[in-house]
Structures are given as C-alpha cells and as structure tokens.
Amino acid sequence: MKRNTTFRAPLIGALALAAALAACSKQEDDRTAGQKLDGAIAEAKQAGAEARVEAGQAMDTAENKLKAATATASDAMADASIVTKVNAALMADDKLKATQIDVKVDAGRVILSGTAPDADSQARATTLAAAVDGVRSVDNQLTVARNG
C-alpha cells in the first residue's frame, strides 16, 4: 500500500521553519511575531542595500580596469604607428635609407639607435622623427660612422 506524501511535505516544511525560528530566538524575546517579522524584513533590506553598494563598487572597479586596458592597448597601437611612420621617414631620406637605424617608441618617446653616415644625417634623423604626429620627444643615440 502506497502512502500519500503530498500532505506531509507542507507539514514538514512548517515544522522545519518553526524549528529554525526557535533556534534563532533562543534568548528571551518579548517582541511579537509581527515585530520579529518587521526586524527580519529590515535586516533583509539592509543586506540588499549593502549588496547593491558592493555590486556598484565592483562595477566601478571593472569599468576602471577596462578603461585602463583600453588605454594601454590604444597607447601600444599609437606607438606601433609612430614606429612605422618614423621608419618610413628615415627610408625616404637619401642618406639615411641605406643605414641600419633601430626605432623604438614608448608612450610617444622615440629612441633612435644605430649608425648615421655623418653628423648632418644624425641631426636629420632627429628632425624627421620629431616631425611625426604623436612623437613627444626624440632620444637620438645614433653614432656617426667612422670613415676609413
């Protein structure tokens, strides 16, 4: 014979709830059930408000990290563009195109290293690099080639 358990589930749930409430209020509490319920609701509202604040702070942190990552990626792309443009300018110069000049860029700061055929070409490399959009400064570390 199969017993019907559908009537027992609500009864078991009510008993579990009563036991939980009894365990939570072991100390003498003169508050009415309504007052206890109001207190529980107030605590739930406070917890919800705190959760909203924490979620907002987490969103702000995530947004700031995303902005920083985007700025870093944008800076890297700008630097790569500067390297390409400086190399193109050097290659367009008759005396510098045959030389091996290494161009590095960090946050718009160009570093030229290698060898220039003469002092005028060394100075010209600085002028060409400085004329590229986005270049903030040029550190010309080129050495002048010795003849002979």
C-alpha atoms as a PDB file:
ATOM      1  CA  MET A   1       0.000   0.000   0.000  1.00  0.00           C
ATOM      2  CA  LYS A   2       1.422   3.344  -1.090  1.00  0.00           C
ATOM      3  CA  ARG A   3       1.164   6.267   1.305  1.00  0.00           C
ATOM      4  CA  ASN A   4       0.313   9.728   0.093  1.00  0.00           C
ATOM      5  CA  THR A   5       3.250  12.076   0.915  1.00  0.00           C
ATOM      6  CA  THR A   6       1.771  15.228  -0.568  1.00  0.00           C
ATOM      7  CA  PHE A   7       0.112  16.086   2.743  1.00  0.00           C
ATOM      8  CA  ARG A   8       3.322  15.559   4.711  1.00  0.00           C
ATOM      9  CA  ALA A   9       5.550  17.961   2.695  1.00  0.00           C
ATOM     10  CA  PRO A  10       3.860  21.187   3.849  1.00  0.00           C
ATOM     11  CA  LEU A  11       3.753  19.893   7.411  1.00  0.00           C
ATOM     12  CA  ILE A  12       7.454  19.000   7.373  1.00  0.00           C
ATOM     13  CA  GLY A  13       8.283  22.416   5.859  1.00  0.00           C
ATOM     14  CA  ALA A  14       6.287  24.243   8.531  1.00  0.00           C
ATOM     15  CA  LEU A  15       7.967  22.237  11.288  1.00  0.00           C
ATOM     16  CA  ALA A  16      11.414  22.976   9.851  1.00  0.00           C
ATOM     17  CA  LEU A  17      10.597  26.688   9.675  1.00  0.00           C
ATOM     18  CA  ALA A  18       9.322  26.673  13.255  1.00  0.00           C
ATOM     19  CA  ALA A  19      12.473  24.894  14.423  1.00  0.00           C
ATOM     20  CA  ALA A  20      14.673  27.382  12.610  1.00  0.00           C
ATOM     21  CA  LEU A  21      12.821  30.320  14.130  1.00  0.00           C
ATOM     22  CA  ALA A  22      13.049  28.752  17.565  1.00  0.00           C
ATOM     23  CA  ALA A  23      16.800  28.222  17.142  1.00  0.00           C
ATOM     24  CA  CYS A  24      17.294  31.832  16.044  1.00  0.00           C
ATOM     25  CA  SER A  25      15.475  33.211  19.057  1.00  0.00           C
ATOM     26  CA  LYS A  26      16.787  31.126  21.936  1.00  0.00           C
ATOM     27  CA  GLN A  27      17.121  34.184  24.136  1.00  0.00           C
ATOM     28  CA  GLU A  28      14.046  35.606  25.771  1.00  0.00           C
ATOM     29  CA  ASP A  29      12.392  37.903  23.275  1.00  0.00           C
ATOM     30  CA  ASP A  30       9.347  39.917  24.233  1.00  0.00           C
ATOM     31  CA  ARG A  31       8.717  41.011  20.665  1.00  0.00           C
ATOM     32  CA  THR A  32       5.590  39.922  18.913  1.00  0.00           C
ATOM     33  CA  ALA A  33       5.711  37.796  15.793  1.00  0.00           C
ATOM     34  CA  GLY A  34       4.934  40.901  13.736  1.00  0.00           C
ATOM     35  CA  GLN A  35       7.797  42.803  15.333  1.00  0.00           C
ATOM     36  CA  LYS A  36      10.136  39.886  14.664  1.00  0.00           C
ATOM     37  CA  LEU A  37       8.979  39.800  11.068  1.00  0.00           C
ATOM     38  CA  ASP A  38       9.498  43.561  10.757  1.00  0.00           C
ATOM     39  CA  GLY A  39      13.028  43.144  12.153  1.00  0.00           C
ATOM     40  CA  ALA A  40      13.792  40.377   9.697  1.00  0.00           C
ATOM     41  CA  ILE A  41      12.488  42.490   6.818  1.00  0.00           C
ATOM     42  CA  ALA A  42      14.615  45.447   7.956  1.00  0.00           C
ATOM     43  CA  GLU A  43      17.701  43.202   8.102  1.00  0.00           C
ATOM     44  CA  ALA A  44      16.956  41.863   4.624  1.00  0.00           C
ATOM     45  CA  LYS A  45      16.567  45.396   3.281  1.00  0.00           C
ATOM     46  CA  GLN A  46      19.872  46.411   4.873  1.00  0.00           C
ATOM     47  CA  ALA A  47      21.606  43.363   3.393  1.00  0.00           C
ATOM     48  CA  GLY A  48      20.113  44.209  -0.004  1.00  0.00           C
ATOM     49  CA  ALA A  49      21.317  47.799   0.234  1.00  0.00           C
ATOM     50  CA  GLU A  50      24.818  46.637   1.173  1.00  0.00           C
ATOM     51  CA  ALA A  51      24.802  44.170  -1.712  1.00  0.00           C
ATOM     52  CA  ARG A  52      23.811  46.971  -4.122  1.00  0.00           C
ATOM     53  CA  VAL A  53      26.659  49.159  -2.866  1.00  0.00           C
ATOM     54  CA  GLU A  54      29.158  46.298  -3.218  1.00  0.00           C
ATOM     55  CA  ALA A  55      27.861  45.491  -6.706  1.00  0.00           C
ATOM     56  CA  GLY A  56      28.209  49.154  -7.676  1.00  0.00           C
ATOM     57  CA  GLN A  57      31.761  49.244  -6.380  1.00  0.00           C
ATOM     58  CA  ALA A  58      32.591  46.043  -8.269  1.00  0.00           C
ATOM     59  CA  MET A  59      31.159  47.546 -11.456  1.00  0.00           C
ATOM     60  CA  ASP A  60      33.195  50.729 -10.956  1.00  0.00           C
ATOM     61  CA  THR A  61      36.355  48.678 -10.436  1.00  0.00           C
ATOM     62  CA  ALA A  62      35.658  46.597 -13.538  1.00  0.00           C
ATOM     63  CA  GLU A  63      34.951  49.740 -15.567  1.00  0.00           C
ATOM     64  CA  ASN A  64      38.206  51.354 -14.412  1.00  0.00           C
ATOM     65  CA  LYS A  65      40.177  48.218 -15.294  1.00  0.00           C
ATOM     66  CA  LEU A  66      38.558  48.104 -18.721  1.00  0.00           C
ATOM     67  CA  LYS A  67      39.371  51.773 -19.321  1.00  0.00           C
ATOM     68  CA  ALA A  68      42.992  51.215 -18.274  1.00  0.00           C
ATOM     69  CA  ALA A  69      43.318  48.168 -20.523  1.00  0.00           C
ATOM     70  CA  THR A  70      41.788  50.066 -23.422  1.00  0.00           C
ATOM     71  CA  ALA A  71      44.141  52.989 -22.866  1.00  0.00           C
ATOM     72  CA  THR A  72      47.132  50.634 -22.737  1.00  0.00           C
ATOM     73  CA  ALA A  73      46.081  48.930 -25.960  1.00  0.00           C
ATOM     74  CA  SER A  74      45.473  52.300 -27.591  1.00  0.00           C
ATOM     75  CA  ASP A  75      48.932  53.533 -26.492  1.00  0.00           C
ATOM     76  CA  ALA A  76      50.554  50.389 -27.884  1.00  0.00           C
ATOM     77  CA  MET A  77      48.784  50.891 -31.215  1.00  0.00           C
ATOM     78  CA  ALA A  78      49.815  54.556 -31.292  1.00  0.00           C
ATOM     79  CA  ASP A  79      53.434  53.620 -30.556  1.00  0.00           C
ATOM     80  CA  ALA A  80      53.408  50.982 -33.316  1.00  0.00           C
ATOM     81  CA  SER A  81      52.043  53.573 -35.734  1.00  0.00           C
ATOM     82  CA  ILE A  82      54.796  56.005 -34.737  1.00  0.00           C
ATOM     83  CA  VAL A  83      57.480  53.348 -35.334  1.00  0.00           C
ATOM     84  CA  THR A  84      56.093  52.718 -38.820  1.00  0.00           C
ATOM     85  CA  LYS A  85      55.921  56.424 -39.678  1.00  0.00           C
ATOM     86  CA  VAL A  86      59.428  57.198 -38.344  1.00  0.00           C
ATOM     87  CA  ASN A  87      60.887  54.235 -40.268  1.00  0.00           C
ATOM     88  CA  ALA A  88      59.134  55.464 -43.430  1.00  0.00           C
ATOM     89  CA  ALA A  89      60.522  58.984 -42.937  1.00  0.00           C
ATOM     90  CA  LEU A  90      64.048  57.639 -42.432  1.00  0.00           C
ATOM     91  CA  MET A  91      63.756  55.411 -45.511  1.00  0.00           C
ATOM     92  CA  ALA A  92      62.666  58.408 -47.593  1.00  0.00           C
ATOM     93  CA  ASP A  93      65.881  60.274 -46.746  1.00  0.00           C
ATOM     94  CA  ASP A  94      68.660  59.594 -49.303  1.00  0.00           C
ATOM     95  CA  LYS A  95      71.491  59.377 -46.759  1.00  0.00           C
ATOM     96  CA  LEU A  96      69.584  57.565 -44.001  1.00  0.00           C
ATOM     97  CA  LYS A  97      67.787  54.924 -46.069  1.00  0.00           C
ATOM     98  CA  ALA A  98      70.963  52.902 -46.508  1.00  0.00           C
ATOM     99  CA  THR A  99      71.705  52.852 -42.777  1.00  0.00           C
ATOM    100  CA  GLN A 100      70.601  50.462 -40.074  1.00  0.00           C
ATOM    101  CA  ILE A 101      68.632  52.578 -37.583  1.00  0.00           C
ATOM    102  CA  ASP A 102      66.611  50.909 -34.859  1.00  0.00           C
ATOM    103  CA  VAL A 103      63.474  52.813 -33.858  1.00  0.00           C
ATOM    104  CA  LYS A 104      61.799  52.136 -30.514  1.00  0.00           C
ATOM    105  CA  VAL A 105      58.838  54.037 -29.113  1.00  0.00           C
ATOM    106  CA  ASP A 106      57.408  54.097 -25.606  1.00  0.00           C
ATOM    107  CA  ALA A 107      54.441  56.379 -24.917  1.00  0.00           C
ATOM    108  CA  GLY A 108      55.421  58.668 -27.785  1.00  0.00           C
ATOM    109  CA  ARG A 109      59.083  58.838 -26.748  1.00  0.00           C
ATOM    110  CA  VAL A 110      61.242  57.808 -29.742  1.00  0.00           C
ATOM    111  CA  ILE A 111      64.658  56.219 -29.238  1.00  0.00           C
ATOM    112  CA  LEU A 112      66.926  56.055 -32.281  1.00  0.00           C
ATOM    113  CA  SER A 113      69.926  53.757 -32.128  1.00  0.00           C
ATOM    114  CA  GLY A 114      72.431  52.578 -34.710  1.00  0.00           C
ATOM    115  CA  THR A 115      74.791  54.414 -37.015  1.00  0.00           C
ATOM    116  CA  ALA A 116      74.396  57.535 -39.145  1.00  0.00           C
ATOM    117  CA  PRO A 117      76.760  58.208 -42.062  1.00  0.00           C
ATOM    118  CA  ASP A 118      77.630  61.730 -40.846  1.00  0.00           C
ATOM    119  CA  ALA A 119      76.730  64.349 -38.214  1.00  0.00           C
ATOM    120  CA  ASP A 120      74.264  66.099 -40.519  1.00  0.00           C
ATOM    121  CA  SER A 121      72.396  62.817 -41.109  1.00  0.00           C
ATOM    122  CA  GLN A 122      72.410  62.138 -37.373  1.00  0.00           C
ATOM    123  CA  ALA A 123      70.730  65.512 -36.740  1.00  0.00           C
ATOM    124  CA  ARG A 124      68.368  64.978 -39.691  1.00  0.00           C
ATOM    125  CA  ALA A 125      67.161  61.700 -38.126  1.00  0.00           C
ATOM    126  CA  THR A 126      66.071  63.621 -35.031  1.00  0.00           C
ATOM    127  CA  THR A 127      64.252  66.212 -37.162  1.00  0.00           C
ATOM    128  CA  LEU A 128      62.459  63.542 -39.208  1.00  0.00           C
ATOM    129  CA  ALA A 129      61.390  61.574 -36.131  1.00  0.00           C
ATOM    130  CA  ALA A 130      60.198  64.684 -34.277  1.00  0.00           C
ATOM    131  CA  ALA A 131      58.012  65.674 -37.235  1.00  0.00           C
ATOM    132  CA  VAL A 132      55.865  62.523 -36.931  1.00  0.00           C
ATOM    133  CA  ASP A 133      52.445  63.029 -35.322  1.00  0.00           C
ATOM    134  CA  GLY A 134      52.294  61.667 -31.779  1.00  0.00           C
ATOM    135  CA  VAL A 135      56.033  61.960 -31.076  1.00  0.00           C
ATOM    136  CA  ARG A 136      56.591  63.617 -27.712  1.00  0.00           C
ATOM    137  CA  SER A 137      60.381  63.504 -27.660  1.00  0.00           C
ATOM    138  CA  VAL A 138      63.324  62.008 -29.528  1.00  0.00           C
ATOM    139  CA  ASP A 139      66.336  60.421 -27.842  1.00  0.00           C
ATOM    140  CA  ASN A 140      68.926  60.228 -30.615  1.00  0.00           C
ATOM    141  CA  GLN A 141      71.515  57.631 -29.635  1.00  0.00           C
ATOM    142  CA  LEU A 142      72.895  57.322 -33.166  1.00  0.00           C
ATOM    143  CA  THR A 143      76.651  57.215 -33.572  1.00  0.00           C
ATOM    144  CA  VAL A 144      78.412  58.744 -36.547  1.00  0.00           C
ATOM    145  CA  ALA A 145      80.173  56.171 -38.740  1.00  0.00           C
ATOM    146  CA  ARG A 146      83.930  56.418 -38.991  1.00  0.00           C
ATOM    147  CA  ASN A 147      85.305  56.713 -42.491  1.00  0.00           C
ATOM    148  CA  GLY A 148      88.383  54.678 -43.282  1.00  0.00           C
END
